[in-house]
């Protein structure tokens, strides 16, 4: 039978090393969070709005990194972009997203006197339904219905167009060449 003193002298070094390992992992996680939230094109506020908008359209899009996906694609040469907009409107993709996000915020402030990210889920859903129905009150450029279409495509790509998304759908991911990153 092990005595109390022997037990504690054996457990203390283990506890110390475990706490050091956990703290190290925590610091790495914080570094990754900072890395994931630093944007090249979009401001943090723009990214939060886009993320919230897309998350209402496709549940999980915010956590899947839709804002990072759009930001990274906007920072690349247009021919290397993974955005659907590349094929539909080749003019100013960054301006399109910035104006769309500004339109969301303008409409939200007009209707509810709050930023989009602070609205209730039902208010956010109402705004998106009105964008689809082309019933926005103050937002007109870019066309809210078209912005919905493009941002929905981005959200679907990020949530379901990845290997993890295929797993969630129960579909085998049979990539000819495995991509180096999720998107």
N, C-alpha and C. Protein backbone atom coordinates (compact mmCIF):
# COMPACT_ATOMS: atom_id res chain seq x y z
N UNK A 1 0.84 -1.17 0.00
CA UNK A 1 0.00 0.00 0.00
C UNK A 1 0.89 1.24 0.00
N UNK A 2 0.50 2.21 -0.82
CA UNK A 2 1.29 3.43 -0.96
C UNK A 2 0.85 4.45 0.11
N UNK A 3 1.81 5.03 0.76
CA UNK A 3 1.51 6.03 1.77
C UNK A 3 1.20 7.38 1.14
N UNK A 4 0.59 8.24 1.95
CA UNK A 4 0.20 9.57 1.46
C UNK A 4 1.41 10.38 1.03
N UNK A 5 2.49 10.36 1.79
CA UNK A 5 3.68 11.14 1.46
C UNK A 5 4.28 10.67 0.13
N UNK A 6 4.38 9.37 -0.04
CA UNK A 6 4.94 8.82 -1.28
C UNK A 6 4.03 9.18 -2.47
N UNK A 7 2.73 9.12 -2.26
CA UNK A 7 1.78 9.47 -3.32
C UNK A 7 1.99 10.91 -3.76
N UNK A 8 2.04 11.84 -2.81
CA UNK A 8 2.18 13.26 -3.15
C UNK A 8 3.53 13.58 -3.77
N UNK A 9 4.60 12.96 -3.30
CA UNK A 9 5.91 13.22 -3.90
C UNK A 9 5.99 12.66 -5.32
N UNK A 10 5.18 11.66 -5.62
CA UNK A 10 5.14 11.12 -6.98
C UNK A 10 4.24 11.93 -7.90
N UNK A 11 3.19 12.52 -7.35
CA UNK A 11 2.20 13.22 -8.18
C UNK A 11 2.61 14.67 -8.47
N UNK A 12 3.37 15.29 -7.60
CA UNK A 12 3.73 16.71 -7.79
C UNK A 12 4.53 16.93 -9.06
N UNK A 13 5.60 16.16 -9.35
CA UNK A 13 6.32 16.39 -10.62
C UNK A 13 5.42 16.19 -11.84
N UNK A 14 4.57 15.19 -11.78
CA UNK A 14 3.65 14.94 -12.89
C UNK A 14 2.72 16.13 -13.09
N UNK A 15 2.21 16.68 -12.01
CA UNK A 15 1.32 17.84 -12.10
C UNK A 15 2.03 19.05 -12.68
N UNK A 16 3.25 19.27 -12.26
CA UNK A 16 4.03 20.41 -12.76
C UNK A 16 4.25 20.27 -14.26
N UNK A 17 4.71 19.10 -14.70
CA UNK A 17 4.97 18.90 -16.13
C UNK A 17 3.67 18.98 -16.95
N UNK A 18 2.60 18.47 -16.41
CA UNK A 18 1.31 18.56 -17.11
C UNK A 18 0.87 20.01 -17.27
N UNK A 19 1.02 20.80 -16.21
CA UNK A 19 0.62 22.21 -16.30
C UNK A 19 1.48 22.97 -17.30
N UNK A 20 2.77 22.64 -17.37
CA UNK A 20 3.65 23.28 -18.36
C UNK A 20 3.22 22.90 -19.77
N UNK A 21 2.91 21.63 -19.98
CA UNK A 21 2.48 21.18 -21.31
C UNK A 21 1.17 21.84 -21.72
N UNK A 22 0.23 21.92 -20.80
CA UNK A 22 -1.07 22.54 -21.10
C UNK A 22 -0.89 24.02 -21.40
N UNK A 23 -0.05 24.68 -20.63
CA UNK A 23 0.19 26.11 -20.87
C UNK A 23 0.83 26.33 -22.25
N UNK A 24 1.74 25.44 -22.61
CA UNK A 24 2.37 25.53 -23.93
C UNK A 24 1.34 25.35 -25.04
N UNK A 25 0.47 24.38 -24.89
CA UNK A 25 -0.58 24.16 -25.89
C UNK A 25 -1.51 25.36 -25.95
N UNK A 26 -1.83 25.93 -24.81
CA UNK A 26 -2.70 27.10 -24.75
C UNK A 26 -2.07 28.28 -25.49
N UNK A 27 -0.77 28.49 -25.29
CA UNK A 27 -0.09 29.58 -26.00
C UNK A 27 -0.12 29.35 -27.50
N UNK A 28 0.08 28.09 -27.92
CA UNK A 28 0.00 27.77 -29.35
C UNK A 28 -1.39 28.04 -29.89
N UNK A 29 -2.42 27.70 -29.13
CA UNK A 29 -3.79 27.94 -29.58
C UNK A 29 -4.05 29.44 -29.70
N UNK A 30 -3.53 30.23 -28.74
CA UNK A 30 -3.71 31.68 -28.82
C UNK A 30 -3.01 32.23 -30.06
N UNK A 31 -1.83 31.72 -30.35
CA UNK A 31 -1.09 32.18 -31.53
C UNK A 31 -1.87 31.85 -32.80
N UNK A 32 -2.47 30.65 -32.86
CA UNK A 32 -3.25 30.27 -34.03
C UNK A 32 -4.49 31.15 -34.16
N UNK A 33 -5.12 31.49 -33.04
CA UNK A 33 -6.29 32.35 -33.08
C UNK A 33 -5.93 33.72 -33.64
N UNK A 34 -4.83 34.28 -33.18
CA UNK A 34 -4.37 35.56 -33.70
C UNK A 34 -4.08 35.45 -35.18
N UNK A 35 -3.42 34.35 -35.58
CA UNK A 35 -3.09 34.14 -36.97
C UNK A 35 -4.36 34.06 -37.83
N UNK A 36 -5.38 33.37 -37.32
CA UNK A 36 -6.62 33.20 -38.08
C UNK A 36 -7.43 34.48 -38.15
N UNK A 37 -7.25 35.38 -37.19
CA UNK A 37 -8.05 36.59 -37.19
C UNK A 37 -7.33 37.79 -37.78
N UNK A 38 -6.12 37.60 -38.27
CA UNK A 38 -5.46 38.71 -38.94
C UNK A 38 -5.80 38.61 -40.42
N UNK A 39 -6.38 39.67 -40.94
CA UNK A 39 -6.87 39.68 -42.30
C UNK A 39 -5.99 40.56 -43.18
N UNK A 40 -5.88 40.18 -44.43
CA UNK A 40 -5.04 40.91 -45.37
C UNK A 40 -5.82 42.01 -46.08
N UNK A 41 -7.07 41.79 -46.38
CA UNK A 41 -7.88 42.72 -47.15
C UNK A 41 -9.02 43.31 -46.31
N UNK A 42 -9.79 42.45 -45.71
CA UNK A 42 -10.95 42.89 -44.92
C UNK A 42 -10.50 43.39 -43.55
N UNK A 43 -11.22 44.37 -43.03
CA UNK A 43 -10.99 44.79 -41.65
C UNK A 43 -11.62 43.74 -40.73
N UNK A 44 -11.26 43.76 -39.47
CA UNK A 44 -11.84 42.81 -38.52
C UNK A 44 -13.35 42.98 -38.44
N UNK A 45 -13.83 44.21 -38.45
CA UNK A 45 -15.27 44.47 -38.39
C UNK A 45 -15.97 43.94 -39.64
N UNK A 46 -15.37 44.17 -40.81
CA UNK A 46 -15.95 43.65 -42.06
C UNK A 46 -16.00 42.12 -42.01
N UNK A 47 -14.92 41.52 -41.53
CA UNK A 47 -14.87 40.06 -41.45
C UNK A 47 -15.92 39.51 -40.49
N UNK A 48 -16.11 40.18 -39.36
CA UNK A 48 -17.13 39.74 -38.39
C UNK A 48 -18.52 39.83 -38.99
N UNK A 49 -18.79 40.91 -39.72
CA UNK A 49 -20.11 41.07 -40.35
C UNK A 49 -20.33 40.00 -41.40
N UNK A 50 -19.35 39.79 -42.27
CA UNK A 50 -19.47 38.77 -43.31
C UNK A 50 -19.64 37.39 -42.70
N UNK A 51 -18.88 37.11 -41.66
CA UNK A 51 -18.97 35.82 -40.98
C UNK A 51 -20.36 35.60 -40.39
N UNK A 52 -20.90 36.62 -39.73
CA UNK A 52 -22.24 36.51 -39.13
C UNK A 52 -23.30 36.34 -40.21
N UNK A 53 -23.20 37.11 -41.29
CA UNK A 53 -24.13 37.03 -42.42
C UNK A 53 -24.14 35.61 -43.00
N UNK A 54 -22.96 35.11 -43.29
CA UNK A 54 -22.84 33.78 -43.91
C UNK A 54 -23.26 32.68 -42.94
N UNK A 55 -23.03 32.88 -41.66
CA UNK A 55 -23.39 31.88 -40.66
C UNK A 55 -24.90 31.71 -40.55
N UNK A 56 -25.66 32.77 -40.81
CA UNK A 56 -27.12 32.66 -40.82
C UNK A 56 -27.56 31.90 -42.07
N UNK A 57 -26.89 32.14 -43.17
CA UNK A 57 -27.24 31.49 -44.43
C UNK A 57 -26.91 29.99 -44.37
N UNK A 58 -25.70 29.66 -43.91
CA UNK A 58 -25.25 28.26 -43.79
C UNK A 58 -24.67 28.10 -42.39
N UNK A 59 -25.38 27.38 -41.56
CA UNK A 59 -24.93 27.17 -40.19
C UNK A 59 -23.53 26.55 -40.17
N UNK A 60 -22.66 27.16 -39.40
CA UNK A 60 -21.29 26.67 -39.28
C UNK A 60 -20.29 27.40 -40.16
N UNK A 61 -20.77 28.28 -41.04
CA UNK A 61 -19.86 28.98 -41.95
C UNK A 61 -18.88 29.88 -41.20
N UNK A 62 -19.36 30.51 -40.14
CA UNK A 62 -18.48 31.38 -39.35
C UNK A 62 -17.34 30.60 -38.73
N UNK A 63 -17.67 29.49 -38.09
CA UNK A 63 -16.64 28.66 -37.46
C UNK A 63 -15.74 27.98 -38.48
N UNK A 64 -16.27 27.73 -39.66
CA UNK A 64 -15.46 27.09 -40.71
C UNK A 64 -14.48 28.07 -41.35
N UNK A 65 -14.63 29.37 -41.07
CA UNK A 65 -13.67 30.35 -41.55
C UNK A 65 -14.03 31.03 -42.86
N UNK A 66 -15.31 31.30 -43.06
CA UNK A 66 -15.73 31.93 -44.32
C UNK A 66 -15.06 33.28 -44.53
N UNK A 67 -14.89 34.06 -43.47
CA UNK A 67 -14.25 35.37 -43.61
C UNK A 67 -12.78 35.21 -44.03
N UNK A 68 -12.09 34.23 -43.45
CA UNK A 68 -10.70 33.98 -43.84
C UNK A 68 -10.62 33.49 -45.29
N UNK A 69 -11.58 32.65 -45.68
CA UNK A 69 -11.63 32.15 -47.04
C UNK A 69 -11.78 33.29 -48.04
N UNK A 70 -12.72 34.19 -47.78
CA UNK A 70 -12.94 35.33 -48.67
C UNK A 70 -11.72 36.24 -48.66
N UNK A 71 -11.20 36.53 -47.48
CA UNK A 71 -10.05 37.43 -47.37
C UNK A 71 -8.84 36.86 -48.11
N UNK A 72 -8.53 35.59 -47.91
CA UNK A 72 -7.39 34.98 -48.60
C UNK A 72 -7.59 34.99 -50.11
N UNK A 73 -8.82 34.70 -50.54
CA UNK A 73 -9.08 34.68 -51.98
C UNK A 73 -8.98 36.07 -52.58
N UNK A 74 -9.40 37.10 -51.84
CA UNK A 74 -9.29 38.47 -52.34
C UNK A 74 -7.84 38.92 -52.40
N UNK A 75 -7.00 38.36 -51.54
CA UNK A 75 -5.60 38.78 -51.51
C UNK A 75 -4.76 38.15 -52.62
N UNK A 76 -5.31 37.16 -53.29
CA UNK A 76 -4.59 36.48 -54.37
C UNK A 76 -4.87 37.18 -55.70
N UNK A 77 -4.10 36.80 -56.69
CA UNK A 77 -4.38 37.26 -58.05
C UNK A 77 -5.76 36.72 -58.44
N UNK A 78 -6.49 37.47 -59.22
CA UNK A 78 -7.86 37.11 -59.54
C UNK A 78 -7.96 35.71 -60.16
N UNK A 79 -7.01 35.33 -60.97
CA UNK A 79 -7.04 34.01 -61.60
C UNK A 79 -6.83 32.88 -60.59
N UNK A 80 -6.24 33.18 -59.43
CA UNK A 80 -6.02 32.17 -58.40
C UNK A 80 -7.12 32.17 -57.34
N UNK A 81 -8.06 33.09 -57.45
CA UNK A 81 -9.14 33.21 -56.47
C UNK A 81 -10.07 32.00 -56.55
N UNK A 82 -10.57 31.58 -55.41
CA UNK A 82 -11.51 30.46 -55.35
C UNK A 82 -12.95 30.92 -55.23
N UNK A 83 -13.19 32.22 -55.34
CA UNK A 83 -14.52 32.77 -55.17
C UNK A 83 -15.35 32.63 -56.44
N UNK A 84 -16.63 32.33 -56.28
CA UNK A 84 -17.54 32.25 -57.42
C UNK A 84 -17.60 33.58 -58.16
N UNK A 85 -17.48 34.67 -57.46
CA UNK A 85 -17.55 36.00 -58.06
C UNK A 85 -16.53 36.16 -59.18
N UNK A 86 -15.44 35.47 -59.07
CA UNK A 86 -14.40 35.54 -60.10
C UNK A 86 -14.98 35.21 -61.48
N UNK A 87 -15.93 34.30 -61.53
CA UNK A 87 -16.50 33.86 -62.80
C UNK A 87 -17.70 34.69 -63.24
N UNK A 88 -18.27 35.45 -62.34
CA UNK A 88 -19.51 36.17 -62.64
C UNK A 88 -19.34 37.67 -62.80
N UNK A 89 -18.40 38.25 -62.09
CA UNK A 89 -18.20 39.69 -62.14
C UNK A 89 -16.72 39.95 -61.94
N UNK A 90 -16.01 40.09 -63.01
CA UNK A 90 -14.56 40.15 -62.93
C UNK A 90 -14.01 41.55 -62.65
N UNK A 91 -14.86 42.51 -62.37
CA UNK A 91 -14.36 43.87 -62.18
C UNK A 91 -13.62 44.03 -60.85
N UNK A 92 -14.26 44.54 -59.82
CA UNK A 92 -13.61 44.85 -58.55
C UNK A 92 -14.17 43.94 -57.45
N UNK A 93 -13.54 42.80 -57.24
CA UNK A 93 -14.05 41.83 -56.26
C UNK A 93 -13.96 42.38 -54.84
N UNK A 94 -12.86 43.02 -54.50
CA UNK A 94 -12.72 43.58 -53.15
C UNK A 94 -13.79 44.64 -52.91
N UNK A 95 -14.00 45.50 -53.88
CA UNK A 95 -15.02 46.53 -53.76
C UNK A 95 -16.41 45.93 -53.61
N UNK A 96 -16.67 44.85 -54.33
CA UNK A 96 -17.96 44.17 -54.24
C UNK A 96 -18.22 43.72 -52.81
N UNK A 97 -17.25 43.03 -52.21
CA UNK A 97 -17.43 42.54 -50.84
C UNK A 97 -17.52 43.69 -49.84
N UNK A 98 -16.64 44.67 -49.98
CA UNK A 98 -16.68 45.82 -49.06
C UNK A 98 -18.02 46.55 -49.15
N UNK A 99 -18.51 46.79 -50.37
CA UNK A 99 -19.79 47.48 -50.54
C UNK A 99 -20.95 46.64 -50.04
N UNK A 100 -20.88 45.33 -50.24
CA UNK A 100 -21.93 44.44 -49.74
C UNK A 100 -21.99 44.44 -48.22
N UNK A 101 -20.83 44.35 -47.60
CA UNK A 101 -20.76 44.37 -46.13
C UNK A 101 -21.23 45.72 -45.60
N UNK A 102 -20.83 46.81 -46.27
CA UNK A 102 -21.30 48.15 -45.87
C UNK A 102 -22.81 48.24 -46.04
N UNK A 103 -23.35 47.62 -47.08
CA UNK A 103 -24.80 47.61 -47.29
C UNK A 103 -25.52 46.87 -46.18
N UNK A 104 -24.96 45.75 -45.75
CA UNK A 104 -25.54 45.00 -44.63
C UNK A 104 -25.60 45.88 -43.40
N UNK A 105 -24.49 46.55 -43.10
CA UNK A 105 -24.43 47.40 -41.91
C UNK A 105 -25.37 48.61 -42.02
N UNK A 106 -25.44 49.19 -43.21
CA UNK A 106 -26.32 50.34 -43.42
C UNK A 106 -27.79 49.94 -43.23
N UNK A 107 -28.16 48.81 -43.77
CA UNK A 107 -29.54 48.31 -43.64
C UNK A 107 -29.85 47.97 -42.19
N UNK A 108 -28.90 47.34 -41.52
CA UNK A 108 -29.07 46.96 -40.12
C UNK A 108 -29.23 48.19 -39.23
N UNK A 109 -28.41 49.20 -39.47
CA UNK A 109 -28.51 50.44 -38.68
C UNK A 109 -29.83 51.14 -38.95
N UNK A 110 -30.27 51.14 -40.20
CA UNK A 110 -31.53 51.79 -40.56
C UNK A 110 -32.72 51.10 -39.90
N UNK A 111 -32.74 49.78 -39.94
CA UNK A 111 -33.88 49.03 -39.42
C UNK A 111 -33.88 48.85 -37.91
N UNK A 112 -32.70 48.55 -37.36
CA UNK A 112 -32.64 48.13 -35.96
C UNK A 112 -31.72 48.98 -35.09
N UNK A 113 -31.04 49.96 -35.68
CA UNK A 113 -30.13 50.84 -34.95
C UNK A 113 -29.01 50.07 -34.24
N UNK A 114 -28.58 48.96 -34.86
CA UNK A 114 -27.49 48.14 -34.31
C UNK A 114 -26.69 47.54 -35.44
N UNK A 115 -25.44 47.21 -35.17
CA UNK A 115 -24.67 46.47 -36.17
C UNK A 115 -25.28 45.08 -36.39
N UNK A 116 -25.05 44.51 -37.55
CA UNK A 116 -25.63 43.22 -37.91
C UNK A 116 -25.26 42.13 -36.90
N UNK A 117 -24.02 42.13 -36.43
CA UNK A 117 -23.57 41.07 -35.52
C UNK A 117 -24.28 41.13 -34.17
N UNK A 118 -24.87 42.26 -33.83
CA UNK A 118 -25.57 42.39 -32.56
C UNK A 118 -27.06 42.13 -32.66
N UNK A 119 -27.57 41.88 -33.84
CA UNK A 119 -28.99 41.61 -34.02
C UNK A 119 -29.33 40.22 -33.49
N UNK A 120 -30.60 40.03 -33.18
CA UNK A 120 -31.04 38.69 -32.80
C UNK A 120 -31.04 37.81 -34.05
N UNK A 121 -31.08 36.53 -33.83
CA UNK A 121 -31.09 35.58 -34.96
C UNK A 121 -32.30 35.84 -35.86
N UNK A 122 -33.44 36.15 -35.29
CA UNK A 122 -34.64 36.39 -36.11
C UNK A 122 -34.50 37.69 -36.92
N UNK A 123 -33.88 38.71 -36.35
CA UNK A 123 -33.66 39.95 -37.10
C UNK A 123 -32.68 39.72 -38.25
N UNK A 124 -31.62 38.96 -37.98
CA UNK A 124 -30.66 38.64 -39.03
C UNK A 124 -31.34 37.84 -40.15
N UNK A 125 -32.14 36.86 -39.76
CA UNK A 125 -32.85 36.04 -40.74
C UNK A 125 -33.82 36.88 -41.56
N UNK A 126 -34.49 37.81 -40.91
CA UNK A 126 -35.42 38.72 -41.60
C UNK A 126 -34.68 39.55 -42.65
N UNK A 127 -33.52 40.06 -42.29
CA UNK A 127 -32.74 40.85 -43.25
C UNK A 127 -32.31 40.02 -44.44
N UNK A 128 -31.89 38.80 -44.19
CA UNK A 128 -31.46 37.94 -45.28
C UNK A 128 -32.64 37.58 -46.18
N UNK A 129 -33.79 37.29 -45.58
CA UNK A 129 -34.99 36.99 -46.38
C UNK A 129 -35.36 38.18 -47.24
N UNK A 130 -35.23 39.38 -46.72
CA UNK A 130 -35.53 40.58 -47.50
C UNK A 130 -34.49 40.82 -48.59
N UNK A 131 -33.25 40.43 -48.35
CA UNK A 131 -32.23 40.53 -49.41
C UNK A 131 -32.58 39.59 -50.55
N UNK A 132 -33.00 38.39 -50.21
CA UNK A 132 -33.39 37.41 -51.23
C UNK A 132 -34.58 37.91 -52.02
N UNK A 133 -35.53 38.53 -51.34
CA UNK A 133 -36.75 39.02 -51.98
C UNK A 133 -36.58 40.42 -52.59
N UNK A 134 -35.38 40.96 -52.54
CA UNK A 134 -35.09 42.31 -53.04
C UNK A 134 -35.99 43.36 -52.39
N UNK A 135 -36.11 43.28 -51.07
CA UNK A 135 -36.95 44.21 -50.32
C UNK A 135 -36.14 45.03 -49.30
N UNK A 136 -34.90 45.30 -49.61
CA UNK A 136 -34.10 46.11 -48.70
C UNK A 136 -34.57 47.56 -48.77
N UNK A 137 -34.45 48.26 -47.66
CA UNK A 137 -34.96 49.62 -47.58
C UNK A 137 -33.93 50.66 -48.00
N UNK A 138 -32.66 50.48 -47.59
CA UNK A 138 -31.64 51.48 -47.92
C UNK A 138 -30.44 50.90 -48.66
N UNK A 139 -30.27 49.61 -48.62
CA UNK A 139 -29.13 48.96 -49.28
C UNK A 139 -29.50 48.64 -50.72
N UNK A 140 -28.70 49.17 -51.65
CA UNK A 140 -28.99 48.90 -53.06
C UNK A 140 -27.78 48.46 -53.87
N UNK A 141 -26.56 48.78 -53.40
CA UNK A 141 -25.37 48.47 -54.20
C UNK A 141 -24.32 47.78 -53.33
N UNK A 142 -23.86 46.62 -53.71
CA UNK A 142 -24.32 45.82 -54.84
C UNK A 142 -25.72 45.28 -54.57
N UNK A 143 -26.35 44.79 -55.61
CA UNK A 143 -27.71 44.26 -55.47
C UNK A 143 -27.73 43.24 -54.32
N UNK A 144 -28.57 43.47 -53.30
CA UNK A 144 -28.59 42.58 -52.13
C UNK A 144 -28.87 41.12 -52.49
N UNK A 145 -29.72 40.89 -53.47
CA UNK A 145 -30.03 39.52 -53.88
C UNK A 145 -28.78 38.85 -54.47
N UNK A 146 -28.04 39.60 -55.28
CA UNK A 146 -26.81 39.06 -55.88
C UNK A 146 -25.75 38.84 -54.81
N UNK A 147 -25.64 39.77 -53.84
CA UNK A 147 -24.68 39.60 -52.75
C UNK A 147 -25.03 38.36 -51.94
N UNK A 148 -26.31 38.14 -51.69
CA UNK A 148 -26.75 36.93 -50.99
C UNK A 148 -26.29 35.69 -51.76
N UNK A 149 -26.53 35.68 -53.07
CA UNK A 149 -26.16 34.54 -53.91
C UNK A 149 -24.66 34.25 -53.82
N UNK A 150 -23.85 35.29 -53.92
CA UNK A 150 -22.40 35.11 -53.88
C UNK A 150 -21.94 34.67 -52.49
N UNK A 151 -22.43 35.32 -51.45
CA UNK A 151 -21.99 34.97 -50.09
C UNK A 151 -22.50 33.59 -49.68
N UNK A 152 -23.66 33.20 -50.18
CA UNK A 152 -24.16 31.84 -49.92
C UNK A 152 -23.23 30.82 -50.55
N UNK A 153 -22.78 31.08 -51.74
CA UNK A 153 -21.83 30.19 -52.42
C UNK A 153 -20.54 30.06 -51.61
N UNK A 154 -20.04 31.19 -51.10
CA UNK A 154 -18.82 31.17 -50.27
C UNK A 154 -19.04 30.32 -49.03
N UNK A 155 -20.19 30.51 -48.37
CA UNK A 155 -20.50 29.77 -47.15
C UNK A 155 -20.60 28.27 -47.42
N UNK A 156 -21.26 27.91 -48.50
CA UNK A 156 -21.39 26.49 -48.85
C UNK A 156 -20.03 25.89 -49.18
N UNK A 157 -19.20 26.63 -49.92
CA UNK A 157 -17.86 26.15 -50.25
C UNK A 157 -17.05 25.84 -49.00
N UNK A 158 -17.11 26.73 -48.03
CA UNK A 158 -16.30 26.57 -46.82
C UNK A 158 -16.84 25.46 -45.92
N UNK A 159 -18.15 25.33 -45.81
CA UNK A 159 -18.73 24.33 -44.91
C UNK A 159 -18.76 22.95 -45.56
N UNK A 160 -19.17 22.86 -46.82
CA UNK A 160 -19.37 21.55 -47.44
C UNK A 160 -18.38 21.20 -48.53
N UNK A 161 -17.60 22.14 -49.00
CA UNK A 161 -16.68 21.88 -50.09
C UNK A 161 -15.30 21.43 -49.65
N UNK A 162 -15.18 21.04 -48.41
CA UNK A 162 -13.90 20.58 -47.87
C UNK A 162 -14.00 19.10 -47.54
N UNK A 163 -12.88 18.50 -47.22
CA UNK A 163 -12.88 17.08 -46.84
C UNK A 163 -13.76 16.85 -45.61
N UNK A 164 -13.68 17.76 -44.63
CA UNK A 164 -14.52 17.63 -43.43
C UNK A 164 -16.00 17.78 -43.78
N UNK A 165 -16.30 18.66 -44.72
CA UNK A 165 -17.68 18.84 -45.15
C UNK A 165 -18.24 17.60 -45.81
N UNK A 166 -17.42 16.94 -46.61
CA UNK A 166 -17.85 15.69 -47.24
C UNK A 166 -18.12 14.63 -46.18
N UNK A 167 -17.27 14.57 -45.16
CA UNK A 167 -17.47 13.61 -44.07
C UNK A 167 -18.80 13.89 -43.38
N UNK A 168 -19.09 15.17 -43.11
CA UNK A 168 -20.35 15.54 -42.46
C UNK A 168 -21.56 15.13 -43.29
N UNK A 169 -21.41 15.17 -44.60
CA UNK A 169 -22.50 14.79 -45.50
C UNK A 169 -22.56 13.28 -45.73
N UNK A 170 -21.54 12.56 -45.27
CA UNK A 170 -21.50 11.11 -45.46
C UNK A 170 -21.13 10.71 -46.88
N UNK A 171 -20.38 11.58 -47.56
CA UNK A 171 -19.96 11.32 -48.94
C UNK A 171 -18.46 11.09 -48.93
N UNK A 172 -17.99 10.04 -49.61
CA UNK A 172 -16.53 9.83 -49.66
C UNK A 172 -15.83 10.98 -50.38
N UNK A 173 -14.75 11.43 -49.82
CA UNK A 173 -13.96 12.51 -50.41
C UNK A 173 -12.93 11.86 -51.31
N UNK A 174 -13.17 11.89 -52.59
CA UNK A 174 -12.31 11.18 -53.55
C UNK A 174 -11.53 12.17 -54.40
N UNK A 175 -10.73 12.98 -53.75
CA UNK A 175 -9.94 13.98 -54.47
C UNK A 175 -8.86 13.29 -55.30
N UNK A 176 -8.73 13.73 -56.52
CA UNK A 176 -7.64 13.22 -57.36
C UNK A 176 -6.30 13.67 -56.79
N UNK A 177 -6.27 14.94 -56.40
CA UNK A 177 -5.09 15.51 -55.74
C UNK A 177 -5.58 16.16 -54.47
N UNK A 178 -5.09 15.71 -53.33
CA UNK A 178 -5.52 16.26 -52.05
C UNK A 178 -5.01 17.68 -51.91
N UNK A 179 -5.91 18.63 -51.63
CA UNK A 179 -5.48 20.03 -51.50
C UNK A 179 -4.58 20.22 -50.29
N UNK A 180 -3.64 21.18 -50.37
CA UNK A 180 -2.72 21.41 -49.26
C UNK A 180 -3.38 22.06 -48.04
N UNK A 181 -4.53 22.70 -48.24
CA UNK A 181 -5.28 23.31 -47.14
C UNK A 181 -6.76 23.07 -47.40
N UNK A 182 -7.62 23.27 -46.40
CA UNK A 182 -9.04 22.95 -46.59
C UNK A 182 -9.69 23.64 -47.81
N UNK A 183 -9.29 24.86 -48.12
CA UNK A 183 -9.85 25.52 -49.30
C UNK A 183 -8.77 26.11 -50.15
